[in-house]
């Protein structure tokens, strides 16, 4: 495969990543990361098993998925790193937003979600955030049928925990 066409494909993949992650300044970083990945994995290429172009596209697709997963995991992780304020005696301070009617059940919902494994955990977080099934399927690169089956499982799981209304009405 000619080098200019490889560079074009890598640039296109980096641009897709920067657009999807809404990070236009990261395009050069993504291009370098993708190029490094290809250089590291190219020695595994076997001409008897397929064409160079197909191998290159598979390498890029896999690395794009890895980058997206890592970015979404980092975003979810940043939310959980906020330190909750504590009283001098060490107990948690209850904070009430006058514009929001919050419930202690949301702590139970978070605990229930943390008890799940992926992909159900990711599907549940996105669903509770108000994402539609087609968007969840696109973000997690799953079929809609798989997402619906996972949501059926999650409905039973939340019902067993006594939190079914939070999964049925995620915006509440």
N, C-alpha and C. Protein backbone atom coordinates (compact mmCIF):
# COMPACT_ATOMS: atom_id res chain seq x y z
N UNK A 1 0.85 -1.18 0.00
CA UNK A 1 0.00 0.00 0.00
C UNK A 1 0.89 1.23 0.00
N UNK A 2 0.58 2.20 -0.83
CA UNK A 2 1.40 3.40 -0.97
C UNK A 2 1.32 4.26 0.29
N UNK A 3 2.45 4.85 0.65
CA UNK A 3 2.53 5.65 1.86
C UNK A 3 1.56 6.83 1.89
N UNK A 4 1.38 7.60 0.79
CA UNK A 4 0.41 8.71 0.84
C UNK A 4 -1.01 8.24 1.16
N UNK A 5 -1.42 7.09 0.64
CA UNK A 5 -2.77 6.63 0.94
C UNK A 5 -2.89 6.19 2.40
N UNK A 6 -1.82 5.63 2.97
CA UNK A 6 -1.82 5.26 4.38
C UNK A 6 -1.94 6.53 5.24
N UNK A 7 -1.18 7.54 4.89
CA UNK A 7 -1.25 8.80 5.63
C UNK A 7 -2.64 9.41 5.54
N UNK A 8 -3.25 9.32 4.38
CA UNK A 8 -4.60 9.86 4.21
C UNK A 8 -5.59 9.11 5.10
N UNK A 9 -5.48 7.79 5.13
CA UNK A 9 -6.40 6.99 5.95
C UNK A 9 -6.20 7.30 7.43
N UNK A 10 -4.96 7.45 7.86
CA UNK A 10 -4.68 7.78 9.26
C UNK A 10 -5.21 9.17 9.60
N UNK A 11 -5.00 10.14 8.71
CA UNK A 11 -5.52 11.49 8.94
C UNK A 11 -7.04 11.48 9.05
N UNK A 12 -7.69 10.70 8.20
CA UNK A 12 -9.15 10.62 8.23
C UNK A 12 -9.63 10.01 9.55
N UNK A 13 -8.95 8.97 10.01
CA UNK A 13 -9.32 8.34 11.28
C UNK A 13 -9.11 9.30 12.45
N UNK A 14 -8.00 10.03 12.43
CA UNK A 14 -7.72 11.00 13.49
C UNK A 14 -8.76 12.11 13.50
N UNK A 15 -9.16 12.55 12.32
CA UNK A 15 -10.19 13.59 12.22
C UNK A 15 -11.52 13.08 12.77
N UNK A 16 -11.88 11.83 12.44
CA UNK A 16 -13.12 11.23 12.97
C UNK A 16 -13.09 11.21 14.50
N UNK A 17 -11.96 10.81 15.05
CA UNK A 17 -11.83 10.75 16.51
C UNK A 17 -11.98 12.14 17.13
N UNK A 18 -11.30 13.12 16.56
CA UNK A 18 -11.37 14.47 17.13
C UNK A 18 -12.78 15.04 17.04
N UNK A 19 -13.49 14.72 15.97
CA UNK A 19 -14.87 15.19 15.85
C UNK A 19 -15.78 14.45 16.81
N UNK A 20 -15.62 13.15 16.92
CA UNK A 20 -16.48 12.35 17.79
C UNK A 20 -16.28 12.72 19.25
N UNK A 21 -15.03 12.99 19.62
CA UNK A 21 -14.73 13.34 21.01
C UNK A 21 -14.78 14.85 21.27
N UNK A 22 -15.16 15.60 20.23
CA UNK A 22 -15.25 17.06 20.32
C UNK A 22 -13.94 17.66 20.87
N UNK A 23 -12.84 17.22 20.25
CA UNK A 23 -11.51 17.64 20.66
C UNK A 23 -10.68 17.98 19.43
N UNK A 24 -10.98 19.13 18.77
CA UNK A 24 -10.26 19.45 17.53
C UNK A 24 -8.76 19.62 17.73
N UNK A 25 -8.33 20.03 18.92
CA UNK A 25 -6.91 20.22 19.15
C UNK A 25 -6.17 18.90 19.31
N UNK A 26 -6.91 17.80 19.50
CA UNK A 26 -6.28 16.50 19.70
C UNK A 26 -6.04 15.72 18.43
N UNK A 27 -6.37 16.30 17.28
CA UNK A 27 -6.24 15.56 16.02
C UNK A 27 -4.81 15.09 15.77
N UNK A 28 -3.82 15.95 16.03
CA UNK A 28 -2.42 15.55 15.83
C UNK A 28 -2.03 14.43 16.79
N UNK A 29 -2.50 14.52 18.03
CA UNK A 29 -2.21 13.46 19.00
C UNK A 29 -2.80 12.13 18.55
N UNK A 30 -4.04 12.17 18.07
CA UNK A 30 -4.68 10.94 17.59
C UNK A 30 -3.93 10.37 16.39
N UNK A 31 -3.49 11.25 15.50
CA UNK A 31 -2.76 10.80 14.32
C UNK A 31 -1.46 10.11 14.75
N UNK A 32 -0.75 10.69 15.71
CA UNK A 32 0.48 10.07 16.19
C UNK A 32 0.20 8.73 16.88
N UNK A 33 -0.85 8.69 17.69
CA UNK A 33 -1.18 7.46 18.40
C UNK A 33 -1.56 6.35 17.42
N UNK A 34 -2.34 6.69 16.40
CA UNK A 34 -2.73 5.70 15.39
C UNK A 34 -1.52 5.23 14.59
N UNK A 35 -0.64 6.16 14.22
CA UNK A 35 0.56 5.80 13.45
C UNK A 35 1.46 4.88 14.27
N UNK A 36 1.65 5.20 15.53
CA UNK A 36 2.48 4.37 16.40
C UNK A 36 1.88 2.97 16.53
N UNK A 37 0.57 2.90 16.67
CA UNK A 37 -0.11 1.60 16.78
C UNK A 37 0.13 0.76 15.53
N UNK A 38 0.03 1.39 14.37
CA UNK A 38 0.25 0.66 13.11
C UNK A 38 1.70 0.17 13.03
N UNK A 39 2.64 1.04 13.39
CA UNK A 39 4.05 0.65 13.34
C UNK A 39 4.34 -0.53 14.28
N UNK A 40 3.72 -0.50 15.46
CA UNK A 40 3.96 -1.58 16.42
C UNK A 40 3.34 -2.90 15.99
N UNK A 41 2.20 -2.84 15.32
CA UNK A 41 1.47 -4.06 14.97
C UNK A 41 1.77 -4.58 13.57
N UNK A 42 2.46 -3.77 12.74
CA UNK A 42 2.63 -4.15 11.34
C UNK A 42 3.45 -5.43 11.19
N UNK A 43 4.35 -5.70 12.12
CA UNK A 43 5.18 -6.91 12.00
C UNK A 43 4.35 -8.19 12.09
N UNK A 44 3.14 -8.11 12.58
CA UNK A 44 2.25 -9.27 12.66
C UNK A 44 1.52 -9.56 11.34
N UNK A 45 1.61 -8.63 10.40
CA UNK A 45 0.89 -8.81 9.14
C UNK A 45 1.41 -10.03 8.40
N UNK A 46 0.49 -10.85 7.90
CA UNK A 46 0.81 -12.06 7.15
C UNK A 46 0.09 -11.99 5.80
N UNK A 47 0.84 -11.85 4.73
CA UNK A 47 0.26 -11.72 3.39
C UNK A 47 -0.61 -12.92 3.01
N UNK A 48 -0.33 -14.07 3.57
CA UNK A 48 -1.12 -15.26 3.24
C UNK A 48 -2.53 -15.19 3.81
N UNK A 49 -2.73 -14.35 4.81
CA UNK A 49 -4.03 -14.29 5.48
C UNK A 49 -4.92 -13.16 4.98
N UNK A 50 -4.40 -12.23 4.20
CA UNK A 50 -5.24 -11.14 3.72
C UNK A 50 -4.44 -10.03 3.07
N UNK A 51 -5.16 -8.98 2.74
CA UNK A 51 -4.56 -7.84 2.05
C UNK A 51 -4.10 -6.78 3.05
N UNK A 52 -3.11 -6.01 2.61
CA UNK A 52 -2.55 -4.96 3.46
C UNK A 52 -3.61 -3.93 3.85
N UNK A 53 -4.43 -3.53 2.88
CA UNK A 53 -5.44 -2.51 3.15
C UNK A 53 -6.46 -2.95 4.18
N UNK A 54 -6.88 -4.19 4.10
CA UNK A 54 -7.85 -4.71 5.07
C UNK A 54 -7.22 -4.77 6.46
N UNK A 55 -5.97 -5.20 6.54
CA UNK A 55 -5.28 -5.27 7.82
C UNK A 55 -5.12 -3.87 8.42
N UNK A 56 -4.73 -2.93 7.59
CA UNK A 56 -4.56 -1.55 8.04
C UNK A 56 -5.88 -0.99 8.58
N UNK A 57 -6.95 -1.19 7.85
CA UNK A 57 -8.25 -0.68 8.29
C UNK A 57 -8.70 -1.34 9.58
N UNK A 58 -8.43 -2.63 9.75
CA UNK A 58 -8.79 -3.33 10.98
C UNK A 58 -7.98 -2.81 12.15
N UNK A 59 -6.67 -2.59 11.94
CA UNK A 59 -5.83 -2.01 13.00
C UNK A 59 -6.37 -0.65 13.43
N UNK A 60 -6.69 0.19 12.44
CA UNK A 60 -7.21 1.52 12.76
C UNK A 60 -8.56 1.46 13.47
N UNK A 61 -9.44 0.60 13.00
CA UNK A 61 -10.76 0.49 13.63
C UNK A 61 -10.63 0.03 15.08
N UNK A 62 -9.78 -0.94 15.32
CA UNK A 62 -9.58 -1.43 16.69
C UNK A 62 -9.00 -0.35 17.59
N UNK A 63 -8.01 0.38 17.09
CA UNK A 63 -7.38 1.43 17.90
C UNK A 63 -8.35 2.58 18.13
N UNK A 64 -9.16 2.92 17.13
CA UNK A 64 -10.18 3.96 17.32
C UNK A 64 -11.13 3.57 18.45
N UNK A 65 -11.56 2.32 18.45
CA UNK A 65 -12.45 1.83 19.51
C UNK A 65 -11.77 1.93 20.87
N UNK A 66 -10.50 1.55 20.93
CA UNK A 66 -9.76 1.64 22.19
C UNK A 66 -9.68 3.07 22.69
N UNK A 67 -9.40 4.00 21.79
CA UNK A 67 -9.29 5.41 22.16
C UNK A 67 -10.64 5.94 22.66
N UNK A 68 -11.71 5.58 21.95
CA UNK A 68 -13.04 6.03 22.36
C UNK A 68 -13.42 5.45 23.72
N UNK A 69 -13.18 4.17 23.91
CA UNK A 69 -13.49 3.56 25.21
C UNK A 69 -12.71 4.23 26.33
N UNK A 70 -11.43 4.47 26.10
CA UNK A 70 -10.60 5.10 27.13
C UNK A 70 -11.09 6.52 27.43
N UNK A 71 -11.48 7.26 26.40
CA UNK A 71 -11.96 8.63 26.61
C UNK A 71 -13.27 8.64 27.39
N UNK A 72 -14.19 7.73 27.04
CA UNK A 72 -15.46 7.68 27.75
C UNK A 72 -15.26 7.20 29.19
N UNK A 73 -14.35 6.25 29.39
CA UNK A 73 -14.07 5.78 30.75
C UNK A 73 -13.46 6.90 31.58
N UNK A 74 -12.58 7.68 30.96
CA UNK A 74 -11.98 8.80 31.68
C UNK A 74 -13.03 9.83 32.06
N UNK A 75 -13.95 10.10 31.14
CA UNK A 75 -15.01 11.06 31.45
C UNK A 75 -15.88 10.57 32.60
N UNK A 76 -16.21 9.28 32.59
CA UNK A 76 -17.01 8.74 33.69
C UNK A 76 -16.21 8.77 34.98
N UNK A 77 -14.92 8.49 34.90
CA UNK A 77 -14.08 8.47 36.08
C UNK A 77 -13.90 9.84 36.70
N UNK A 78 -13.87 10.88 35.88
CA UNK A 78 -13.69 12.22 36.41
C UNK A 78 -14.86 12.63 37.28
N UNK A 79 -16.03 12.16 36.96
CA UNK A 79 -17.21 12.49 37.75
C UNK A 79 -17.10 11.88 39.14
N UNK A 80 -16.56 10.67 39.23
CA UNK A 80 -16.49 9.95 40.50
C UNK A 80 -15.33 10.40 41.37
N UNK A 81 -14.41 11.24 40.86
CA UNK A 81 -13.26 11.63 41.66
C UNK A 81 -13.52 12.86 42.51
N UNK A 82 -14.69 13.46 42.40
CA UNK A 82 -15.00 14.63 43.21
C UNK A 82 -15.14 14.20 44.67
N UNK A 83 -14.43 14.87 45.54
CA UNK A 83 -14.47 14.54 46.96
C UNK A 83 -15.69 15.20 47.59
N UNK A 84 -16.54 14.38 48.22
CA UNK A 84 -17.74 14.89 48.86
C UNK A 84 -17.33 15.59 50.15
N UNK A 85 -17.87 16.78 50.44
CA UNK A 85 -17.48 17.50 51.67
C UNK A 85 -17.87 16.74 52.93
N UNK A 86 -17.04 16.89 53.95
CA UNK A 86 -17.27 16.19 55.21
C UNK A 86 -17.29 17.19 56.37
N UNK A 87 -18.03 16.80 57.40
CA UNK A 87 -18.04 17.56 58.66
C UNK A 87 -16.71 17.32 59.38
N UNK A 88 -16.41 18.16 60.39
CA UNK A 88 -15.18 17.92 61.16
C UNK A 88 -15.13 16.53 61.80
N UNK A 89 -16.30 15.96 62.10
CA UNK A 89 -16.32 14.62 62.71
C UNK A 89 -16.14 13.51 61.68
N UNK A 90 -16.06 13.87 60.40
CA UNK A 90 -15.81 12.89 59.35
C UNK A 90 -17.05 12.42 58.60
N UNK A 91 -18.24 12.84 59.05
CA UNK A 91 -19.45 12.40 58.36
C UNK A 91 -19.69 13.27 57.12
N UNK A 92 -20.38 12.69 56.15
CA UNK A 92 -20.65 13.42 54.92
C UNK A 92 -21.62 14.56 55.16
N UNK A 93 -21.36 15.69 54.51
CA UNK A 93 -22.22 16.86 54.61
C UNK A 93 -23.33 16.71 53.58
N UNK A 94 -24.57 16.94 53.98
CA UNK A 94 -25.68 16.87 53.04
C UNK A 94 -25.82 18.23 52.37
N UNK A 95 -25.74 18.22 51.06
CA UNK A 95 -25.84 19.46 50.28
C UNK A 95 -27.14 19.41 49.51
N UNK A 96 -27.92 20.44 49.61
CA UNK A 96 -29.19 20.50 48.88
C UNK A 96 -29.15 21.68 47.93
N UNK A 97 -29.47 21.39 46.71
CA UNK A 97 -29.59 22.42 45.69
C UNK A 97 -31.03 22.91 45.71
N UNK A 98 -31.29 24.21 45.92
CA UNK A 98 -32.67 24.68 45.99
C UNK A 98 -33.41 24.54 44.66
N UNK A 99 -32.68 24.37 43.56
CA UNK A 99 -33.32 24.26 42.25
C UNK A 99 -33.56 22.81 41.84
N UNK A 100 -33.14 21.89 42.68
CA UNK A 100 -33.23 20.47 42.33
C UNK A 100 -33.83 19.71 43.50
N UNK A 101 -34.76 18.84 43.19
CA UNK A 101 -35.31 17.98 44.23
C UNK A 101 -34.60 16.64 44.12
N UNK A 102 -33.54 16.50 44.89
CA UNK A 102 -32.74 15.29 44.83
C UNK A 102 -33.25 14.30 45.87
N UNK A 103 -32.95 13.07 45.65
CA UNK A 103 -33.38 12.01 46.54
C UNK A 103 -32.18 11.18 46.93
N UNK A 104 -32.23 10.63 48.13
CA UNK A 104 -31.14 9.75 48.56
C UNK A 104 -31.13 8.46 47.73
N UNK A 105 -32.23 8.20 47.01
CA UNK A 105 -32.28 7.02 46.16
C UNK A 105 -31.22 7.07 45.06
N UNK A 106 -30.80 8.28 44.68
CA UNK A 106 -29.79 8.36 43.62
C UNK A 106 -28.47 7.76 44.07
N UNK A 107 -28.18 7.81 45.38
CA UNK A 107 -26.98 7.13 45.88
C UNK A 107 -27.14 5.62 45.70
N UNK A 108 -28.36 5.12 45.96
CA UNK A 108 -28.63 3.70 45.76
C UNK A 108 -28.56 3.33 44.28
N UNK A 109 -29.03 4.24 43.42
CA UNK A 109 -28.94 3.99 41.97
C UNK A 109 -27.48 3.90 41.55
N UNK A 110 -26.64 4.83 42.03
CA UNK A 110 -25.21 4.78 41.72
C UNK A 110 -24.58 3.48 42.21
N UNK A 111 -24.93 3.06 43.41
CA UNK A 111 -24.40 1.81 43.94
C UNK A 111 -24.86 0.62 43.10
N UNK A 112 -26.12 0.64 42.68
CA UNK A 112 -26.64 -0.45 41.85
C UNK A 112 -25.90 -0.49 40.51
N UNK A 113 -25.66 0.66 39.92
CA UNK A 113 -24.93 0.72 38.65
C UNK A 113 -23.49 0.24 38.84
N UNK A 114 -22.86 0.62 39.96
CA UNK A 114 -21.49 0.18 40.21
C UNK A 114 -21.40 -1.32 40.39
N UNK A 115 -22.51 -1.97 40.77
CA UNK A 115 -22.53 -3.41 40.94
C UNK A 115 -22.62 -4.18 39.64
N UNK A 116 -22.79 -3.48 38.53
CA UNK A 116 -22.91 -4.12 37.22
C UNK A 116 -21.53 -4.30 36.59
N UNK A 117 -21.47 -5.14 35.56
CA UNK A 117 -20.25 -5.27 34.77
C UNK A 117 -20.54 -4.71 33.38
N UNK A 118 -19.47 -4.37 32.66
CA UNK A 118 -19.66 -3.88 31.30
C UNK A 118 -20.09 -5.02 30.40
N UNK A 119 -20.91 -4.79 29.41
CA UNK A 119 -21.38 -3.51 28.87
C UNK A 119 -22.63 -2.98 29.57
N UNK A 120 -23.23 -3.79 30.47
CA UNK A 120 -24.46 -3.33 31.11
C UNK A 120 -24.25 -2.04 31.91
N UNK A 121 -23.09 -1.91 32.56
CA UNK A 121 -22.82 -0.69 33.33
C UNK A 121 -22.83 0.53 32.42
N UNK A 122 -22.15 0.43 31.29
CA UNK A 122 -22.10 1.56 30.35
C UNK A 122 -23.48 1.86 29.78
N UNK A 123 -24.21 0.81 29.41
CA UNK A 123 -25.56 1.01 28.87
C UNK A 123 -26.44 1.69 29.91
N UNK A 124 -26.35 1.23 31.14
CA UNK A 124 -27.18 1.80 32.20
C UNK A 124 -26.83 3.26 32.46
N UNK A 125 -25.55 3.57 32.54
CA UNK A 125 -25.16 4.98 32.77
C UNK A 125 -25.68 5.88 31.65
N UNK A 126 -25.51 5.44 30.42
CA UNK A 126 -25.98 6.25 29.30
C UNK A 126 -27.50 6.38 29.31
N UNK A 127 -28.20 5.30 29.65
CA UNK A 127 -29.66 5.34 29.70
C UNK A 127 -30.15 6.25 30.82
N UNK A 128 -29.52 6.16 31.98
CA UNK A 128 -29.91 7.01 33.11
C UNK A 128 -29.62 8.48 32.80
N UNK A 129 -28.60 8.74 31.98
CA UNK A 129 -28.29 10.11 31.57
C UNK A 129 -29.30 10.64 30.55
N UNK A 130 -30.17 9.75 30.03
CA UNK A 130 -31.20 10.18 29.10
C UNK A 130 -30.90 9.90 27.64
N UNK A 131 -29.85 9.11 27.37
CA UNK A 131 -29.51 8.78 25.99
C UNK A 131 -30.54 7.81 25.41
N UNK A 132 -30.87 7.96 24.15
CA UNK A 132 -31.80 7.07 23.46
C UNK A 132 -31.06 5.79 23.04
N UNK A 133 -31.81 4.71 22.84
CA UNK A 133 -31.23 3.41 22.48
C UNK A 133 -30.36 3.50 21.22
N UNK A 134 -30.82 4.16 20.14
CA UNK A 134 -29.93 4.24 18.96
C UNK A 134 -28.60 4.94 19.26
N UNK A 135 -28.65 5.97 20.12
CA UNK A 135 -27.41 6.67 20.48
C UNK A 135 -26.49 5.79 21.31
N UNK A 136 -27.09 5.03 22.25
CA UNK A 136 -26.29 4.11 23.07
C UNK A 136 -25.63 3.07 22.18
N UNK A 137 -26.40 2.53 21.25
CA UNK A 137 -25.86 1.51 20.34
C UNK A 137 -24.72 2.07 19.51
N UNK A 138 -24.87 3.30 19.04
CA UNK A 138 -23.82 3.92 18.23
C UNK A 138 -22.58 4.19 19.07
N UNK A 139 -22.76 4.74 20.27
CA UNK A 139 -21.62 5.07 21.12
C UNK A 139 -20.83 3.84 21.55
N UNK A 140 -21.54 2.77 21.86
CA UNK A 140 -20.87 1.56 22.33
C UNK A 140 -20.59 0.56 21.22
N UNK A 141 -20.96 0.93 20.00
CA UNK A 141 -20.75 0.08 18.83
C UNK A 141 -21.35 -1.31 19.04
N UNK A 142 -22.62 -1.28 19.41
CA UNK A 142 -23.38 -2.51 19.63
C UNK A 142 -24.62 -2.45 18.75
N UNK A 143 -25.27 -3.58 18.58
CA UNK A 143 -26.53 -3.58 17.86
C UNK A 143 -27.63 -3.07 18.79
N UNK A 144 -28.68 -2.52 18.20
CA UNK A 144 -29.81 -2.05 19.01
C UNK A 144 -30.44 -3.21 19.76
N UNK A 145 -30.51 -4.37 19.12
CA UNK A 145 -31.08 -5.55 19.78
C UNK A 145 -30.32 -5.91 21.04
N UNK A 146 -29.00 -5.81 21.00
CA UNK A 146 -28.18 -6.10 22.19
C UNK A 146 -28.47 -5.09 23.29
N UNK A 147 -28.63 -3.83 22.90
CA UNK A 147 -28.92 -2.79 23.89
C UNK A 147 -30.29 -3.05 24.51
N UNK A 148 -31.29 -3.38 23.68
CA UNK A 148 -32.63 -3.66 24.21
C UNK A 148 -32.60 -4.87 25.16
N UNK A 149 -31.86 -5.93 24.80
CA UNK A 149 -31.76 -7.10 25.69
C UNK A 149 -31.11 -6.72 27.01
N UNK A 150 -30.08 -5.90 26.95
CA UNK A 150 -29.42 -5.44 28.17
C UNK A 150 -30.37 -4.60 29.01
N UNK A 151 -31.17 -3.75 28.36
CA UNK A 151 -32.13 -2.94 29.11
C UNK A 151 -33.21 -3.80 29.76
N UNK A 152 -33.60 -4.89 29.11
CA UNK A 152 -34.54 -5.82 29.74
C UNK A 152 -33.93 -6.44 30.99
N UNK A 153 -32.66 -6.85 30.88
CA UNK A 153 -31.96 -7.39 32.04
C UNK A 153 -31.86 -6.33 33.15
N UNK A 154 -31.53 -5.11 32.76
CA UNK A 154 -31.38 -4.04 33.74
C UNK A 154 -32.70 -3.71 34.43
N UNK A 155 -33.81 -3.80 33.69
CA UNK A 155 -35.12 -3.54 34.30
C UNK A 155 -35.39 -4.56 35.42
N UNK A 156 -35.08 -5.82 35.17
CA UNK A 156 -35.25 -6.84 36.21
C UNK A 156 -34.30 -6.59 37.37
N UNK A 157 -33.06 -6.24 37.06
CA UNK A 157 -32.04 -5.98 38.09
C UNK A 157 -32.47 -4.83 39.00
N UNK A 158 -32.93 -3.72 38.39
CA UNK A 158 -33.36 -2.57 39.18
C UNK A 158 -34.64 -2.87 39.95
N UNK A 159 -35.51 -3.67 39.37
CA UNK A 159 -36.73 -4.03 40.09
C UNK A 159 -36.39 -4.85 41.33
N UNK A 160 -35.43 -5.77 41.22
CA UNK A 160 -35.00 -6.56 42.37
C UNK A 160 -34.41 -5.67 43.46
N UNK A 161 -33.79 -4.56 43.06
CA UNK A 161 -33.20 -3.62 44.02
C UNK A 161 -34.22 -2.61 44.55
N UNK A 162 -35.44 -2.64 44.00
CA UNK A 162 -36.47 -1.68 44.42
C UNK A 162 -36.29 -0.31 43.80
N UNK A 163 -35.61 -0.23 42.67
CA UNK A 163 -35.30 1.05 42.04
C UNK A 163 -35.81 1.11 40.60
N UNK A 164 -36.83 0.34 40.28
CA UNK A 164 -37.29 0.21 38.90
C UNK A 164 -37.70 1.54 38.29
N UNK A 165 -38.28 2.45 39.06
CA UNK A 165 -38.75 3.71 38.49
C UNK A 165 -37.63 4.59 37.98
N UNK A 166 -36.42 4.41 38.49
CA UNK A 166 -35.31 5.24 38.04
C UNK A 166 -34.78 4.81 36.68
N UNK A 167 -34.95 3.53 36.36
CA UNK A 167 -34.52 3.07 35.04
C UNK A 167 -35.58 3.35 34.00
N UNK A 168 -36.86 3.27 34.39
CA UNK A 168 -37.95 3.51 33.44
C UNK A 168 -38.06 4.98 33.07
N UNK A 169 -37.79 5.86 34.02
CA UNK A 169 -37.91 7.29 33.80
C UNK A 169 -36.59 7.95 34.15
N UNK A 170 -35.57 7.85 33.27
CA UNK A 170 -34.23 8.29 33.62
C UNK A 170 -34.09 9.77 33.91
N UNK A 171 -34.94 10.58 33.36
CA UNK A 171 -34.81 12.03 33.56
C UNK A 171 -35.43 12.52 34.85
N UNK A 172 -36.10 11.66 35.61
CA UNK A 172 -36.80 12.08 36.82
C UNK A 172 -35.86 12.44 37.93
